[in-house]
């Protein structure tokens, strides 16, 4: 196996892993975001949310990044010969 084949196989493996991990991360992120908003009435989550006011914004930015990365890997998959 030469270097070009190795690099091609490496990126193929990374792409396959990203296509599996990205939707799982998105689902976990959306569930966590929902828990942060709906669970604010619970004292533990409410106190944590007061201590971390930027947490929801950071989760949303992370989710947008995951969705963007997933879209890019899908476009690469459909664009490959």
N, C-alpha and C. Protein backbone atom coordinates (compact mmCIF):
# COMPACT_ATOMS: atom_id res chain seq x y z
N UNK A 1 0.85 -1.17 0.00
CA UNK A 1 0.00 0.00 0.00
C UNK A 1 0.90 1.24 0.00
N UNK A 2 0.71 2.08 -0.98
CA UNK A 2 1.52 3.29 -1.03
C UNK A 2 0.87 4.40 -0.21
N UNK A 3 1.54 5.52 -0.13
CA UNK A 3 1.10 6.62 0.72
C UNK A 3 -0.24 7.20 0.25
N UNK A 4 -0.45 7.33 -1.04
CA UNK A 4 -1.70 7.89 -1.56
C UNK A 4 -2.89 7.00 -1.19
N UNK A 5 -2.73 5.70 -1.30
CA UNK A 5 -3.81 4.78 -0.93
C UNK A 5 -4.08 4.84 0.57
N UNK A 6 -3.00 4.95 1.35
CA UNK A 6 -3.15 5.03 2.80
C UNK A 6 -3.92 6.28 3.20
N UNK A 7 -3.56 7.42 2.61
CA UNK A 7 -4.24 8.68 2.93
C UNK A 7 -5.70 8.62 2.49
N UNK A 8 -5.96 8.07 1.32
CA UNK A 8 -7.35 7.93 0.84
C UNK A 8 -8.17 7.06 1.78
N UNK A 9 -7.59 5.96 2.22
CA UNK A 9 -8.29 5.05 3.15
C UNK A 9 -8.51 5.73 4.50
N UNK A 10 -7.52 6.51 4.96
CA UNK A 10 -7.64 7.22 6.23
C UNK A 10 -8.81 8.21 6.18
N UNK A 11 -8.89 9.00 5.11
CA UNK A 11 -9.98 9.95 5.01
C UNK A 11 -11.33 9.27 4.83
N UNK A 12 -11.35 8.14 4.18
CA UNK A 12 -12.59 7.37 4.05
C UNK A 12 -13.05 6.87 5.41
N UNK A 13 -12.12 6.41 6.22
CA UNK A 13 -12.46 5.94 7.57
C UNK A 13 -12.94 7.09 8.45
N UNK A 14 -12.26 8.24 8.35
CA UNK A 14 -12.67 9.41 9.13
C UNK A 14 -14.06 9.87 8.72
N UNK A 15 -14.32 9.84 7.43
CA UNK A 15 -15.64 10.25 6.93
C UNK A 15 -16.72 9.31 7.44
N UNK A 16 -16.46 8.02 7.42
CA UNK A 16 -17.43 7.06 7.92
C UNK A 16 -17.71 7.25 9.41
N UNK A 17 -16.65 7.51 10.18
CA UNK A 17 -16.83 7.75 11.61
C UNK A 17 -17.61 9.03 11.85
N UNK A 18 -17.32 10.07 11.08
CA UNK A 18 -18.03 11.35 11.25
C UNK A 18 -19.51 11.21 10.92
N UNK A 19 -19.83 10.40 9.93
CA UNK A 19 -21.23 10.22 9.56
C UNK A 19 -22.00 9.43 10.61
N UNK A 20 -21.31 8.68 11.42
CA UNK A 20 -21.97 7.96 12.51
C UNK A 20 -22.06 8.84 13.76
N UNK A 21 -20.98 9.55 14.06
CA UNK A 21 -20.90 10.32 15.30
C UNK A 21 -21.73 11.60 15.24
N UNK A 22 -21.77 12.28 14.10
CA UNK A 22 -22.46 13.58 14.01
C UNK A 22 -23.94 13.51 14.36
N UNK A 23 -24.72 12.57 13.82
CA UNK A 23 -26.13 12.54 14.21
C UNK A 23 -26.34 12.19 15.68
N UNK A 24 -25.48 11.34 16.21
CA UNK A 24 -25.60 10.98 17.63
C UNK A 24 -25.32 12.21 18.49
N UNK A 25 -24.28 12.96 18.14
CA UNK A 25 -23.96 14.18 18.90
C UNK A 25 -25.08 15.20 18.78
N UNK A 26 -25.69 15.31 17.62
CA UNK A 26 -26.78 16.27 17.43
C UNK A 26 -27.98 15.89 18.29
N UNK A 27 -28.32 14.61 18.34
CA UNK A 27 -29.46 14.17 19.16
C UNK A 27 -29.19 14.43 20.63
N UNK A 28 -27.99 14.10 21.09
CA UNK A 28 -27.64 14.34 22.49
C UNK A 28 -27.67 15.83 22.79
N UNK A 29 -27.17 16.65 21.87
CA UNK A 29 -27.18 18.09 22.07
C UNK A 29 -28.58 18.67 22.14
N UNK A 30 -29.47 18.22 21.25
CA UNK A 30 -30.85 18.72 21.28
C UNK A 30 -31.57 18.27 22.54
N UNK A 31 -31.32 17.04 22.99
CA UNK A 31 -31.93 16.59 24.24
C UNK A 31 -31.39 17.40 25.43
N UNK A 32 -30.10 17.65 25.43
CA UNK A 32 -29.51 18.46 26.50
C UNK A 32 -30.04 19.88 26.50
N UNK A 33 -30.19 20.45 25.32
CA UNK A 33 -30.73 21.81 25.21
C UNK A 33 -32.17 21.85 25.72
N UNK A 34 -32.95 20.86 25.35
CA UNK A 34 -34.33 20.79 25.84
C UNK A 34 -34.38 20.63 27.35
N UNK A 35 -33.49 19.82 27.90
CA UNK A 35 -33.43 19.64 29.35
C UNK A 35 -33.04 20.93 30.05
N UNK A 36 -32.13 21.69 29.42
CA UNK A 36 -31.72 22.96 30.02
C UNK A 36 -32.88 23.96 30.05
N UNK A 37 -33.69 23.98 29.00
CA UNK A 37 -34.81 24.92 28.98
C UNK A 37 -35.99 24.45 29.82
N UNK A 38 -36.35 23.18 29.66
CA UNK A 38 -37.53 22.68 30.36
C UNK A 38 -37.25 22.38 31.84
N UNK A 39 -36.01 22.08 32.14
CA UNK A 39 -35.68 21.72 33.52
C UNK A 39 -35.28 22.89 34.38
N UNK A 40 -35.47 24.09 33.91
CA UNK A 40 -35.07 25.27 34.69
C UNK A 40 -35.84 25.39 36.00
N UNK A 41 -37.00 24.78 36.08
CA UNK A 41 -37.78 24.85 37.32
C UNK A 41 -37.20 23.92 38.39
N UNK A 42 -36.40 22.96 38.00
CA UNK A 42 -35.75 22.09 38.98
C UNK A 42 -34.61 22.88 39.62
N UNK A 43 -34.48 22.81 40.92
CA UNK A 43 -33.46 23.64 41.60
C UNK A 43 -32.03 23.37 41.11
N UNK A 44 -31.67 22.13 40.88
CA UNK A 44 -30.29 21.82 40.47
C UNK A 44 -29.99 22.44 39.11
N UNK A 45 -30.89 22.25 38.15
CA UNK A 45 -30.67 22.78 36.81
C UNK A 45 -30.80 24.30 36.81
N UNK A 46 -31.74 24.83 37.57
CA UNK A 46 -31.92 26.28 37.65
C UNK A 46 -30.68 26.97 38.21
N UNK A 47 -30.10 26.40 39.28
CA UNK A 47 -28.89 26.98 39.86
C UNK A 47 -27.72 26.88 38.89
N UNK A 48 -27.61 25.75 38.22
CA UNK A 48 -26.52 25.57 37.25
C UNK A 48 -26.66 26.57 36.11
N UNK A 49 -27.90 26.79 35.68
CA UNK A 49 -28.13 27.71 34.57
C UNK A 49 -27.81 29.15 34.99
N UNK A 50 -28.07 29.50 36.25
CA UNK A 50 -27.70 30.84 36.74
C UNK A 50 -26.19 31.00 36.77
N UNK A 51 -25.48 29.93 37.12
CA UNK A 51 -24.01 29.99 37.18
C UNK A 51 -23.38 29.98 35.80
N UNK A 52 -24.07 29.46 34.80
CA UNK A 52 -23.55 29.33 33.44
C UNK A 52 -24.52 29.94 32.43
N UNK A 53 -24.62 31.27 32.40
CA UNK A 53 -25.63 31.89 31.53
C UNK A 53 -25.36 31.72 30.03
N UNK A 54 -24.12 31.46 29.65
CA UNK A 54 -23.80 31.32 28.23
C UNK A 54 -23.89 29.87 27.75
N UNK A 55 -24.27 28.96 28.61
CA UNK A 55 -24.25 27.54 28.26
C UNK A 55 -25.18 27.23 27.08
N UNK A 56 -26.38 27.77 27.08
CA UNK A 56 -27.32 27.47 25.99
C UNK A 56 -26.80 27.98 24.66
N UNK A 57 -26.21 29.16 24.66
CA UNK A 57 -25.65 29.70 23.42
C UNK A 57 -24.52 28.83 22.90
N UNK A 58 -23.69 28.33 23.81
CA UNK A 58 -22.58 27.48 23.41
C UNK A 58 -23.08 26.15 22.85
N UNK A 59 -24.15 25.62 23.43
CA UNK A 59 -24.73 24.37 22.91
C UNK A 59 -25.29 24.60 21.51
N UNK A 60 -25.96 25.70 21.30
CA UNK A 60 -26.52 25.99 19.98
C UNK A 60 -25.41 26.15 18.94
N UNK A 61 -24.35 26.84 19.28
CA UNK A 61 -23.22 27.00 18.35
C UNK A 61 -22.61 25.64 18.05
N UNK A 62 -22.46 24.80 19.06
CA UNK A 62 -21.94 23.45 18.84
C UNK A 62 -22.84 22.62 17.95
N UNK A 63 -24.14 22.73 18.14
CA UNK A 63 -25.08 21.99 17.30
C UNK A 63 -25.03 22.48 15.85
N UNK A 64 -24.92 23.78 15.67
CA UNK A 64 -24.81 24.30 14.30
C UNK A 64 -23.54 23.80 13.63
N UNK A 65 -22.45 23.72 14.39
CA UNK A 65 -21.20 23.19 13.85
C UNK A 65 -21.35 21.72 13.48
N UNK A 66 -22.01 20.93 14.33
CA UNK A 66 -22.22 19.51 14.04
C UNK A 66 -23.08 19.34 12.79
N UNK A 67 -24.13 20.13 12.67
CA UNK A 67 -24.99 20.03 11.49
C UNK A 67 -24.23 20.43 10.24
N UNK A 68 -23.41 21.48 10.32
CA UNK A 68 -22.61 21.91 9.18
C UNK A 68 -21.61 20.82 8.78
N UNK A 69 -20.92 20.26 9.77
CA UNK A 69 -19.93 19.22 9.48
C UNK A 69 -20.59 17.98 8.88
N UNK A 70 -21.75 17.63 9.39
CA UNK A 70 -22.49 16.48 8.86
C UNK A 70 -22.91 16.74 7.42
N UNK A 71 -23.34 17.96 7.13
CA UNK A 71 -23.74 18.30 5.77
C UNK A 71 -22.56 18.24 4.81
N UNK A 72 -21.41 18.70 5.27
CA UNK A 72 -20.22 18.67 4.42
C UNK A 72 -19.81 17.23 4.12
N UNK A 73 -19.84 16.36 5.12
CA UNK A 73 -19.47 14.96 4.87
C UNK A 73 -20.47 14.29 3.94
N UNK A 74 -21.73 14.66 4.04
CA UNK A 74 -22.74 14.10 3.13
C UNK A 74 -22.50 14.57 1.71
N UNK A 75 -22.16 15.85 1.56
CA UNK A 75 -21.88 16.37 0.22
C UNK A 75 -20.63 15.71 -0.37
N UNK A 76 -19.64 15.45 0.45
CA UNK A 76 -18.45 14.78 -0.02
C UNK A 76 -18.78 13.36 -0.46
N UNK A 77 -19.64 12.69 0.30
CA UNK A 77 -20.01 11.32 -0.03
C UNK A 77 -20.74 11.26 -1.37
N UNK A 78 -21.70 12.17 -1.57
CA UNK A 78 -22.46 12.14 -2.81
C UNK A 78 -21.66 12.69 -3.98
N UNK A 79 -20.66 13.51 -3.69
CA UNK A 79 -19.84 14.07 -4.77
C UNK A 79 -18.70 13.17 -5.20
N UNK A 80 -18.38 12.15 -4.39
CA UNK A 80 -17.27 11.26 -4.72
C UNK A 80 -17.68 10.30 -5.84
N UNK A 81 -16.73 9.99 -6.73
CA UNK A 81 -17.07 9.07 -7.82
C UNK A 81 -17.23 7.64 -7.36
